[in-house]
Protein backbone atom coordinates (compact mmCIF):
# COMPACT_ATOMS: atom_id res chain seq x y z
CA MET A 1 -16.61 -1.89 -7.80
CA ALA A 2 -13.40 -1.56 -5.80
CA PHE A 3 -10.64 -4.14 -6.12
CA ARG A 4 -8.54 -4.53 -3.00
CA ALA A 5 -5.16 -5.89 -1.99
CA SER A 6 -3.27 -5.81 1.27
CA HIS A 7 0.09 -6.66 2.77
CA ARG A 8 -0.38 -7.51 6.40
CA PHE A 9 2.45 -7.71 8.94
CA ALA A 10 4.90 -5.77 6.76
CA ARG A 11 8.13 -5.33 8.74
CA ILE A 12 8.30 -1.55 8.44
CA SER A 13 7.00 1.21 10.65
CA PRO A 14 3.72 2.71 9.42
CA ARG A 15 5.16 6.17 9.96
CA LYS A 16 7.63 5.51 7.12
CA VAL A 17 5.00 4.34 4.62
CA ARG A 18 2.13 6.77 5.30
CA PRO A 19 3.65 9.76 3.44
CA LEU A 20 4.04 7.54 0.36
CA ALA A 21 0.43 6.37 0.62
CA ASP A 22 -0.71 10.00 0.88
CA MET A 23 1.30 10.77 -2.25
CA VAL A 24 -0.50 8.21 -4.45
CA ARG A 25 -4.03 8.34 -3.04
CA GLY A 26 -6.45 9.65 -5.66
CA LYS A 27 -4.03 9.21 -8.57
CA PHE A 28 -4.46 6.96 -11.58
CA ALA A 29 -2.92 3.55 -10.89
CA ASP A 30 -0.28 3.75 -13.62
CA ASP A 31 0.70 7.27 -12.48
CA ALA A 32 0.94 6.02 -8.88
CA LEU A 33 3.35 3.27 -9.96
CA ASP A 34 5.44 5.82 -11.86
CA ILE A 35 5.60 8.09 -8.80
CA LEU A 36 6.66 5.25 -6.50
CA ARG A 37 9.24 3.90 -8.94
CA TYR A 38 11.40 6.99 -8.45
CA GLN A 39 11.09 7.21 -4.67
CA PRO A 40 14.22 5.99 -2.84
CA GLN A 41 12.41 4.72 0.28
CA ARG A 42 12.06 1.03 1.03
CA GLY A 43 8.38 1.55 1.81
CA ALA A 44 7.81 2.63 -1.78
CA ARG A 45 8.75 -0.88 -2.94
CA LEU A 46 6.25 -2.46 -0.53
CA LEU A 47 3.46 -0.08 -1.50
CA GLU A 48 4.25 -0.58 -5.18
CA LYS A 49 3.82 -4.35 -4.81
CA VAL A 50 0.44 -3.94 -3.11
CA ILE A 51 -0.78 -1.58 -5.85
CA ARG A 52 0.38 -4.07 -8.51
CA SER A 53 -1.57 -6.80 -6.70
CA ALA A 54 -4.74 -4.67 -6.60
CA ILE A 55 -4.33 -3.92 -10.33
CA GLY A 56 -3.91 -7.65 -10.99
CA ASN A 57 -7.12 -8.33 -9.08
CA ALA A 58 -8.92 -5.72 -11.17
CA LEU A 59 -7.63 -7.01 -14.50
CA ASP A 60 -8.49 -10.65 -13.70
CA PRO A 61 -11.41 -11.61 -15.99
CA ASP A 62 -12.74 -14.15 -13.46
CA GLN A 63 -13.46 -11.35 -10.98
CA HIS A 64 -15.93 -9.60 -13.31
CA PRO A 65 -17.23 -11.72 -16.20
CA GLY A 66 -18.41 -9.83 -19.26
CA GLU A 67 -16.84 -6.53 -18.26
CA THR A 68 -13.57 -5.18 -19.65
CA ILE A 69 -11.35 -3.08 -17.44
CA ARG A 70 -8.37 -1.16 -18.76
CA LEU A 71 -5.33 -0.19 -16.72
CA GLU A 72 -5.67 3.45 -17.80
CA ASP A 73 -9.13 3.67 -16.15
CA LEU A 74 -8.05 2.48 -12.67
CA VAL A 75 -7.73 5.00 -9.84
CA VAL A 76 -6.24 4.40 -6.37
CA ILE A 77 -9.24 5.32 -4.24
CA ASP A 78 -7.86 4.06 -0.93
CA ALA A 79 -4.26 3.72 0.23
CA ARG A 80 -4.14 3.11 3.95
CA VAL A 81 -1.33 2.10 6.31
CA ASP A 82 -2.38 0.83 9.72
CA GLN A 83 -0.36 -0.12 12.79
CA GLY A 84 0.29 -3.82 13.18
CA PRO A 85 1.66 -5.70 16.17
CA MET A 86 5.08 -4.99 17.66
CA PHE A 87 8.04 -7.11 18.59
CA LYS A 88 9.28 -5.89 21.94
CA ARG A 89 12.93 -6.16 22.83
CA ILE A 90 14.86 -4.97 25.87
CA ARG A 91 18.13 -3.09 25.62
CA PRO A 92 20.32 -2.78 28.70
CA ARG A 93 21.19 0.75 29.79
CA ALA A 94 23.34 2.37 32.43
CA ARG A 95 22.90 1.69 36.16
CA GLY A 96 20.92 -1.52 35.63
CA MET A 97 18.02 0.07 33.75
CA ALA A 98 16.43 -1.34 30.62
CA TYR A 99 14.94 0.45 27.61
CA LEU A 100 12.17 -1.08 25.56
CA ILE A 101 12.75 -1.30 21.80
CA ARG A 102 9.59 -1.58 19.72
CA LYS A 103 10.02 -3.19 16.30
CA ARG A 104 6.86 -2.07 14.55
CA MET A 105 4.82 -3.72 11.80
CA SER A 106 2.31 -2.31 9.32
CA HIS A 107 -0.80 -3.39 7.51
CA ILE A 108 -0.81 -1.82 4.02
CA HIS A 109 -4.23 -1.73 2.28
CA VAL A 110 -4.91 -0.47 -1.25
CA ALA A 111 -8.14 -0.27 -3.25
CA VAL A 112 -8.42 0.62 -6.93
CA GLU A 113 -11.59 1.37 -8.80
CA GLN A 114 -12.50 1.92 -12.44
CA VAL A 115 -13.58 5.45 -13.33
CA GLN A 116 -16.12 5.92 -16.08
CA ASN A 117 -14.85 7.54 -19.27
CA LEU A 118 -16.10 11.06 -19.82
CA GLU A 119 -16.40 10.32 -23.55
CA ASP A 120 -19.13 7.68 -23.08
């Protein structure tokens, strides 16, 4: 069962966050947090928060009564960054022209899932 979390309308361009999402997709959740902790980009902080939220959803005992989930068994199966809406602003240019400035937003989605132990 996949546990999901998302940050919608994040005020960062998806182009800046997608390489970070590609970096952690398929990794164990605790390894993904370690990777993002040492990345200098601002998008790494946003993605890190969403992964922590998905882990919190997975570790919540009310979500899955009777089943125990350990942090070491969680894998980031889906890390997706989609385009959100844009603020559009106009900047004056030479000879009476105007340039459009697009302030982009992102929707960051993460899903973690428990992998079965090979020892069982």
